[in-house]
């Protein structure tokens, strides 16, 4: 396979994560599939992506782990995503999104004070975004972070 095929596969797998995440009544087998495709998408992005895709793929693994109530895994990948977003000079929306991911991960790990701290940080970062679409997208994501 060439690089463009790997990129298409990584993107398709990432989109598949969203399809399963948004499915209201996932089965246990679908939960396993969801985690598998999140890691598989990440693997391909590590081969053919750049810093932005690496951060997004870590964020997705964290998001999936949170939905599966694996708080420790979610926190580990949310921290990786946030560190990557800050270190690589990624766009402001991505830094805000990884802060949202940390709030969600800490909620999944039942760390209320950390969840509240990162939720407030994410909200401040979202409020500072200039682009209205980016602001709306991450605001919607923040609205689904469990309390």
N, C-alpha and C. Protein backbone atom coordinates (compact mmCIF):
# COMPACT_ATOMS: atom_id res chain seq x y z
N UNK A 1 0.84 -1.19 0.00
CA UNK A 1 0.00 0.00 0.00
C UNK A 1 0.88 1.24 0.00
N UNK A 2 0.42 2.26 -0.70
CA UNK A 2 1.17 3.50 -0.70
C UNK A 2 0.62 4.43 0.40
N UNK A 3 1.31 5.56 0.57
CA UNK A 3 0.96 6.49 1.65
C UNK A 3 -0.48 6.98 1.56
N UNK A 4 -0.96 7.27 0.36
CA UNK A 4 -2.33 7.78 0.23
C UNK A 4 -3.35 6.72 0.64
N UNK A 5 -3.06 5.46 0.39
CA UNK A 5 -3.96 4.38 0.82
C UNK A 5 -3.98 4.27 2.34
N UNK A 6 -2.82 4.41 2.97
CA UNK A 6 -2.76 4.37 4.43
C UNK A 6 -3.51 5.56 5.04
N UNK A 7 -3.37 6.74 4.42
CA UNK A 7 -4.08 7.92 4.91
C UNK A 7 -5.60 7.72 4.81
N UNK A 8 -6.03 7.16 3.68
CA UNK A 8 -7.46 6.91 3.48
C UNK A 8 -7.97 5.90 4.51
N UNK A 9 -7.18 4.89 4.77
CA UNK A 9 -7.56 3.88 5.75
C UNK A 9 -7.62 4.47 7.15
N UNK A 10 -6.62 5.25 7.53
CA UNK A 10 -6.60 5.89 8.85
C UNK A 10 -7.83 6.78 9.03
N UNK A 11 -8.15 7.54 8.00
CA UNK A 11 -9.30 8.44 8.05
C UNK A 11 -10.61 7.66 8.14
N UNK A 12 -10.72 6.62 7.36
CA UNK A 12 -11.93 5.78 7.37
C UNK A 12 -12.14 5.13 8.74
N UNK A 13 -11.07 4.65 9.32
CA UNK A 13 -11.16 4.04 10.65
C UNK A 13 -11.56 5.08 11.70
N UNK A 14 -10.98 6.27 11.60
CA UNK A 14 -11.34 7.35 12.53
C UNK A 14 -12.84 7.65 12.42
N UNK A 15 -13.33 7.75 11.20
CA UNK A 15 -14.77 8.00 11.00
C UNK A 15 -15.60 6.84 11.53
N UNK A 16 -15.08 5.63 11.42
CA UNK A 16 -15.77 4.47 11.97
C UNK A 16 -15.90 4.54 13.49
N UNK A 17 -14.91 5.14 14.12
CA UNK A 17 -15.00 5.35 15.57
C UNK A 17 -16.22 6.21 15.90
N UNK A 18 -16.39 7.30 15.14
CA UNK A 18 -17.54 8.18 15.40
C UNK A 18 -18.86 7.45 15.20
N UNK A 19 -18.92 6.62 14.17
CA UNK A 19 -20.16 5.88 13.92
C UNK A 19 -20.51 5.00 15.11
N UNK A 20 -19.52 4.30 15.64
CA UNK A 20 -19.79 3.44 16.79
C UNK A 20 -20.00 4.23 18.08
N UNK A 21 -19.24 5.31 18.25
CA UNK A 21 -19.44 6.14 19.44
C UNK A 21 -20.86 6.69 19.52
N UNK A 22 -21.41 7.02 18.38
CA UNK A 22 -22.75 7.63 18.35
C UNK A 22 -23.87 6.61 18.31
N UNK A 23 -23.52 5.34 18.24
CA UNK A 23 -24.54 4.28 18.23
C UNK A 23 -25.12 4.14 19.64
N UNK A 24 -26.41 4.27 19.78
CA UNK A 24 -27.01 4.29 21.13
C UNK A 24 -26.91 2.97 21.90
N UNK A 25 -27.03 1.86 21.23
CA UNK A 25 -27.06 0.57 21.93
C UNK A 25 -25.96 -0.35 21.42
N UNK A 26 -24.69 0.05 21.67
CA UNK A 26 -23.58 -0.79 21.24
C UNK A 26 -23.56 -2.10 22.05
N UNK A 27 -23.18 -3.14 21.38
CA UNK A 27 -23.00 -4.42 22.05
C UNK A 27 -21.59 -4.50 22.61
N UNK A 28 -21.33 -5.50 23.41
CA UNK A 28 -19.98 -5.72 23.93
C UNK A 28 -18.98 -5.96 22.81
N UNK A 29 -19.40 -6.70 21.79
CA UNK A 29 -18.52 -6.94 20.64
C UNK A 29 -18.23 -5.63 19.91
N UNK A 30 -19.22 -4.76 19.82
CA UNK A 30 -19.00 -3.46 19.16
C UNK A 30 -18.08 -2.57 19.99
N UNK A 31 -18.13 -2.70 21.31
CA UNK A 31 -17.19 -1.95 22.16
C UNK A 31 -15.76 -2.40 21.88
N UNK A 32 -15.56 -3.69 21.74
CA UNK A 32 -14.22 -4.21 21.42
C UNK A 32 -13.79 -3.72 20.04
N UNK A 33 -14.71 -3.76 19.08
CA UNK A 33 -14.41 -3.26 17.74
C UNK A 33 -14.04 -1.78 17.78
N UNK A 34 -14.77 -1.01 18.57
CA UNK A 34 -14.52 0.43 18.69
C UNK A 34 -13.11 0.70 19.19
N UNK A 35 -12.71 0.03 20.24
CA UNK A 35 -11.37 0.24 20.76
C UNK A 35 -10.31 -0.23 19.76
N UNK A 36 -10.59 -1.34 19.11
CA UNK A 36 -9.65 -1.86 18.11
C UNK A 36 -9.46 -0.89 16.96
N UNK A 37 -10.54 -0.33 16.45
CA UNK A 37 -10.38 0.57 15.31
C UNK A 37 -9.78 1.91 15.73
N UNK A 38 -10.01 2.34 16.96
CA UNK A 38 -9.35 3.57 17.44
C UNK A 38 -7.84 3.38 17.44
N UNK A 39 -7.38 2.25 17.96
CA UNK A 39 -5.94 1.99 17.98
C UNK A 39 -5.39 1.74 16.58
N UNK A 40 -6.17 1.12 15.73
CA UNK A 40 -5.71 0.86 14.37
C UNK A 40 -5.58 2.17 13.59
N UNK A 41 -6.56 3.04 13.73
CA UNK A 41 -6.48 4.35 13.09
C UNK A 41 -5.23 5.09 13.59
N UNK A 42 -5.01 5.05 14.90
CA UNK A 42 -3.83 5.71 15.48
C UNK A 42 -2.55 5.15 14.88
N UNK A 43 -2.49 3.82 14.75
CA UNK A 43 -1.30 3.18 14.19
C UNK A 43 -1.00 3.71 12.79
N UNK A 44 -2.02 3.77 11.95
CA UNK A 44 -1.80 4.26 10.59
C UNK A 44 -1.45 5.74 10.57
N UNK A 45 -2.07 6.55 11.45
CA UNK A 45 -1.71 7.96 11.49
C UNK A 45 -0.27 8.15 11.95
N UNK A 46 0.20 7.28 12.83
CA UNK A 46 1.60 7.38 13.25
C UNK A 46 2.55 7.14 12.08
N UNK A 47 2.12 6.33 11.13
CA UNK A 47 2.96 6.03 9.97
C UNK A 47 2.93 7.15 8.93
N UNK A 48 1.75 7.74 8.69
CA UNK A 48 1.62 8.65 7.54
C UNK A 48 1.15 10.06 7.91
N UNK A 49 0.84 10.30 9.17
CA UNK A 49 0.36 11.62 9.57
C UNK A 49 1.48 12.49 10.08
N UNK A 50 1.07 13.60 10.62
CA UNK A 50 2.01 14.52 11.25
C UNK A 50 1.54 14.80 12.67
N UNK A 51 2.15 15.78 13.33
CA UNK A 51 1.83 16.07 14.72
C UNK A 51 0.33 16.28 14.99
N UNK A 52 -0.37 16.95 14.09
CA UNK A 52 -1.79 17.19 14.32
C UNK A 52 -2.58 15.88 14.31
N UNK A 53 -2.31 15.02 13.35
CA UNK A 53 -3.01 13.73 13.29
C UNK A 53 -2.65 12.84 14.48
N UNK A 54 -1.40 12.93 14.94
CA UNK A 54 -1.00 12.13 16.10
C UNK A 54 -1.77 12.56 17.34
N UNK A 55 -1.91 13.86 17.51
CA UNK A 55 -2.67 14.38 18.66
C UNK A 55 -4.13 13.95 18.56
N UNK A 56 -4.71 14.11 17.38
CA UNK A 56 -6.12 13.76 17.20
C UNK A 56 -6.33 12.27 17.43
N UNK A 57 -5.40 11.44 16.99
CA UNK A 57 -5.58 10.00 17.19
C UNK A 57 -5.45 9.63 18.66
N UNK A 58 -4.56 10.27 19.39
CA UNK A 58 -4.49 10.03 20.84
C UNK A 58 -5.77 10.50 21.52
N UNK A 59 -6.29 11.66 21.08
CA UNK A 59 -7.55 12.18 21.62
C UNK A 59 -8.68 11.17 21.38
N UNK A 60 -8.72 10.58 20.18
CA UNK A 60 -9.78 9.62 19.88
C UNK A 60 -9.67 8.37 20.75
N UNK A 61 -8.47 7.86 20.95
CA UNK A 61 -8.31 6.70 21.83
C UNK A 61 -8.82 7.05 23.22
N UNK A 62 -8.50 8.25 23.69
CA UNK A 62 -8.99 8.68 25.00
C UNK A 62 -10.51 8.76 25.03
N UNK A 63 -11.07 9.32 23.98
CA UNK A 63 -12.54 9.45 23.90
C UNK A 63 -13.21 8.08 23.93
N UNK A 64 -12.67 7.16 23.16
CA UNK A 64 -13.21 5.80 23.11
C UNK A 64 -13.08 5.14 24.48
N UNK A 65 -11.91 5.25 25.09
CA UNK A 65 -11.70 4.64 26.41
C UNK A 65 -12.67 5.22 27.43
N UNK A 66 -12.91 6.52 27.37
CA UNK A 66 -13.87 7.13 28.30
C UNK A 66 -15.27 6.56 28.08
N UNK A 67 -15.65 6.36 26.83
CA UNK A 67 -16.98 5.82 26.55
C UNK A 67 -17.11 4.38 27.03
N UNK A 68 -15.98 3.69 27.14
CA UNK A 68 -15.96 2.31 27.63
C UNK A 68 -15.71 2.24 29.13
N UNK A 69 -15.66 3.44 29.76
CA UNK A 69 -15.45 3.57 31.20
C UNK A 69 -14.11 3.00 31.66
N UNK A 70 -13.10 3.13 30.80
CA UNK A 70 -11.73 2.78 31.17
C UNK A 70 -11.00 4.09 31.45
N UNK A 71 -11.22 4.59 32.66
CA UNK A 71 -10.70 5.91 33.02
C UNK A 71 -9.20 6.03 32.95
N UNK A 72 -8.48 5.01 33.40
CA UNK A 72 -7.02 5.08 33.40
C UNK A 72 -6.48 5.19 31.98
N UNK A 73 -6.99 4.37 31.08
CA UNK A 73 -6.55 4.44 29.68
C UNK A 73 -6.93 5.78 29.07
N UNK A 74 -8.12 6.24 29.38
CA UNK A 74 -8.58 7.52 28.85
C UNK A 74 -7.68 8.66 29.30
N UNK A 75 -7.35 8.70 30.58
CA UNK A 75 -6.48 9.76 31.11
C UNK A 75 -5.10 9.70 30.45
N UNK A 76 -4.55 8.50 30.33
CA UNK A 76 -3.21 8.37 29.74
C UNK A 76 -3.16 8.94 28.33
N UNK A 77 -4.15 8.63 27.51
CA UNK A 77 -4.14 9.12 26.14
C UNK A 77 -4.58 10.58 26.04
N UNK A 78 -5.43 11.03 26.94
CA UNK A 78 -5.80 12.45 26.95
C UNK A 78 -4.58 13.31 27.31
N UNK A 79 -3.78 12.85 28.27
CA UNK A 79 -2.57 13.58 28.63
C UNK A 79 -1.59 13.61 27.46
N UNK A 80 -1.43 12.48 26.77
CA UNK A 80 -0.56 12.45 25.59
C UNK A 80 -1.03 13.45 24.55
N UNK A 81 -2.34 13.45 24.30
CA UNK A 81 -2.90 14.35 23.30
C UNK A 81 -2.65 15.81 23.68
N UNK A 82 -2.91 16.15 24.92
CA UNK A 82 -2.73 17.53 25.36
C UNK A 82 -1.26 17.95 25.29
N UNK A 83 -0.38 17.09 25.76
CA UNK A 83 1.05 17.40 25.69
C UNK A 83 1.50 17.57 24.24
N UNK A 84 1.01 16.70 23.37
CA UNK A 84 1.36 16.82 21.95
C UNK A 84 0.83 18.09 21.33
N UNK A 85 -0.39 18.46 21.69
CA UNK A 85 -0.99 19.69 21.13
C UNK A 85 -0.19 20.91 21.57
N UNK A 86 0.25 20.93 22.81
CA UNK A 86 1.01 22.07 23.31
C UNK A 86 2.43 22.09 22.76
N UNK A 87 3.06 20.93 22.67
CA UNK A 87 4.46 20.85 22.26
C UNK A 87 4.65 21.10 20.77
N UNK A 88 3.71 20.70 19.97
CA UNK A 88 3.91 20.77 18.53
C UNK A 88 3.43 22.08 17.91
N UNK A 89 2.94 22.99 18.72
CA UNK A 89 2.46 24.25 18.18
C UNK A 89 1.24 24.07 17.30
N UNK A 90 0.38 23.16 17.68
CA UNK A 90 -0.84 22.89 16.92
C UNK A 90 -1.83 24.05 17.04
N UNK A 91 -2.86 24.05 16.21
CA UNK A 91 -3.83 25.14 16.25
C UNK A 91 -4.55 25.23 17.60
N UNK A 92 -5.04 26.44 17.90
CA UNK A 92 -5.71 26.69 19.17
C UNK A 92 -6.91 25.77 19.38
N UNK A 93 -7.65 25.47 18.31
CA UNK A 93 -8.83 24.62 18.47
C UNK A 93 -8.44 23.23 18.96
N UNK A 94 -7.25 22.76 18.54
CA UNK A 94 -6.81 21.43 18.94
C UNK A 94 -6.40 21.42 20.41
N UNK A 95 -5.78 22.48 20.86
CA UNK A 95 -5.42 22.59 22.27
C UNK A 95 -6.70 22.62 23.12
N UNK A 96 -7.70 23.37 22.68
CA UNK A 96 -8.98 23.41 23.39
C UNK A 96 -9.64 22.04 23.40
N UNK A 97 -9.59 21.35 22.28
CA UNK A 97 -10.19 20.03 22.18
C UNK A 97 -9.50 19.02 23.10
N UNK A 98 -8.19 19.11 23.22
CA UNK A 98 -7.50 18.17 24.10
C UNK A 98 -7.78 18.49 25.57
N UNK A 99 -8.04 19.75 25.88
CA UNK A 99 -8.46 20.10 27.25
C UNK A 99 -9.83 19.50 27.54
N UNK A 100 -10.73 19.55 26.55
CA UNK A 100 -12.03 18.88 26.69
C UNK A 100 -11.82 17.38 26.90
N UNK A 101 -10.88 16.81 26.17
CA UNK A 101 -10.59 15.39 26.31
C UNK A 101 -10.10 15.04 27.71
N UNK A 102 -9.30 15.91 28.29
CA UNK A 102 -8.84 15.67 29.66
C UNK A 102 -10.00 15.75 30.65
N UNK A 103 -10.90 16.70 30.45
CA UNK A 103 -12.08 16.79 31.33
C UNK A 103 -12.89 15.50 31.25
N UNK A 104 -13.11 15.01 30.04
CA UNK A 104 -13.88 13.77 29.83
C UNK A 104 -13.14 12.57 30.45
N UNK A 105 -11.84 12.51 30.26
CA UNK A 105 -11.05 11.40 30.78
C UNK A 105 -11.09 11.37 32.31
N UNK A 106 -10.92 12.54 32.92
CA UNK A 106 -10.97 12.58 34.38
C UNK A 106 -12.37 12.25 34.89
N UNK A 107 -13.39 12.62 34.16
CA UNK A 107 -14.75 12.23 34.54
C UNK A 107 -14.89 10.71 34.49
N UNK A 108 -14.34 10.09 33.44
CA UNK A 108 -14.40 8.63 33.32
C UNK A 108 -13.60 7.95 34.42
N UNK A 109 -12.58 8.62 34.91
CA UNK A 109 -11.73 8.07 35.96
C UNK A 109 -12.23 8.47 37.35
N UNK A 110 -13.36 9.14 37.40
CA UNK A 110 -14.01 9.57 38.65
C UNK A 110 -13.12 10.47 39.49
N UNK A 111 -12.39 11.36 38.80
CA UNK A 111 -11.55 12.36 39.45
C UNK A 111 -12.23 13.71 39.26
N UNK A 112 -13.15 14.00 40.17
CA UNK A 112 -14.04 15.15 40.01
C UNK A 112 -13.30 16.49 39.99
N UNK A 113 -12.38 16.69 40.88
CA UNK A 113 -11.70 18.00 40.92
C UNK A 113 -10.88 18.22 39.65
N UNK A 114 -10.22 17.18 39.15
CA UNK A 114 -9.45 17.30 37.91
C UNK A 114 -10.40 17.52 36.73
N UNK A 115 -11.51 16.83 36.74
CA UNK A 115 -12.52 17.02 35.68
C UNK A 115 -12.97 18.47 35.66
N UNK A 116 -13.29 19.02 36.83
CA UNK A 116 -13.77 20.40 36.91
C UNK A 116 -12.70 21.40 36.47
N UNK A 117 -11.46 21.14 36.87
CA UNK A 117 -10.35 22.02 36.49
C UNK A 117 -10.17 22.03 34.97
N UNK A 118 -10.16 20.86 34.35
CA UNK A 118 -9.95 20.78 32.90
C UNK A 118 -11.16 21.26 32.13
N UNK A 119 -12.35 21.07 32.69
CA UNK A 119 -13.55 21.59 32.05
C UNK A 119 -13.47 23.11 31.98
N UNK A 120 -13.10 23.74 33.09
CA UNK A 120 -12.97 25.20 33.13
C UNK A 120 -11.87 25.67 32.18
N UNK A 121 -10.76 24.95 32.14
CA UNK A 121 -9.67 25.30 31.21
C UNK A 121 -10.16 25.20 29.77
N UNK A 122 -10.84 24.10 29.45
CA UNK A 122 -11.36 23.93 28.09
C UNK A 122 -12.33 25.05 27.75
N UNK A 123 -13.19 25.41 28.67
CA UNK A 123 -14.16 26.47 28.41
C UNK A 123 -13.45 27.80 28.13
N UNK A 124 -12.42 28.10 28.91
CA UNK A 124 -11.65 29.34 28.66
C UNK A 124 -11.00 29.31 27.28
N UNK A 125 -10.43 28.17 26.92
CA UNK A 125 -9.78 28.05 25.61
C UNK A 125 -10.80 28.14 24.47
N UNK A 126 -11.96 27.54 24.66
CA UNK A 126 -13.02 27.61 23.64
C UNK A 126 -13.50 29.05 23.49
N UNK A 127 -13.69 29.73 24.59
CA UNK A 127 -14.17 31.12 24.54
C UNK A 127 -13.20 32.03 23.78
N UNK A 128 -11.93 31.66 23.77
CA UNK A 128 -10.91 32.47 23.08
C UNK A 128 -10.79 32.15 21.60
N UNK A 129 -11.46 31.10 21.13
CA UNK A 129 -11.35 30.74 19.71
C UNK A 129 -12.04 31.78 18.84
N UNK A 130 -11.38 32.16 17.78
CA UNK A 130 -11.92 33.16 16.86
C UNK A 130 -12.94 32.55 15.91
N UNK A 131 -12.65 31.35 15.41
CA UNK A 131 -13.52 30.71 14.44
C UNK A 131 -14.79 30.18 15.10
N UNK A 132 -15.94 30.64 14.63
CA UNK A 132 -17.22 30.28 15.24
C UNK A 132 -17.53 28.79 15.10
N UNK A 133 -17.18 28.18 13.97
CA UNK A 133 -17.43 26.74 13.78
C UNK A 133 -16.61 25.90 14.75
N UNK A 134 -15.33 26.26 14.91
CA UNK A 134 -14.48 25.55 15.85
C UNK A 134 -15.02 25.70 17.27
N UNK A 135 -15.40 26.93 17.62
CA UNK A 135 -15.95 27.20 18.94
C UNK A 135 -17.22 26.38 19.18
N UNK A 136 -18.10 26.31 18.20
CA UNK A 136 -19.36 25.58 18.34
C UNK A 136 -19.11 24.07 18.48
N UNK A 137 -18.20 23.55 17.69
CA UNK A 137 -17.90 22.11 17.74
C UNK A 137 -17.40 21.70 19.12
N UNK A 138 -16.44 22.43 19.64
CA UNK A 138 -15.86 22.03 20.92
C UNK A 138 -16.82 22.35 22.07
N UNK A 139 -17.63 23.39 21.92
CA UNK A 139 -18.67 23.66 22.92
C UNK A 139 -19.64 22.49 22.99
N UNK A 140 -20.01 21.95 21.83
CA UNK A 140 -20.89 20.77 21.80
C UNK A 140 -20.23 19.58 22.49
N UNK A 141 -18.96 19.38 22.24
CA UNK A 141 -18.24 18.28 22.88
C UNK A 141 -18.21 18.47 24.39
N UNK A 142 -17.96 19.70 24.83
CA UNK A 142 -17.94 19.98 26.26
C UNK A 142 -19.30 19.69 26.89
N UNK A 143 -20.36 19.92 26.15
CA UNK A 143 -21.70 19.68 26.65
C UNK A 143 -21.99 18.22 26.93
N UNK A 144 -21.16 17.33 26.40
CA UNK A 144 -21.38 15.89 26.64
C UNK A 144 -20.42 15.30 27.67
N UNK A 145 -19.59 16.14 28.27
CA UNK A 145 -18.69 15.64 29.31
C UNK A 145 -19.50 15.35 30.57
N UNK A 146 -19.44 14.11 31.06
CA UNK A 146 -20.21 13.77 32.26
C UNK A 146 -19.77 14.57 33.49
N UNK A 147 -20.70 14.79 34.37
CA UNK A 147 -20.37 15.51 35.62
C UNK A 147 -19.85 14.59 36.67
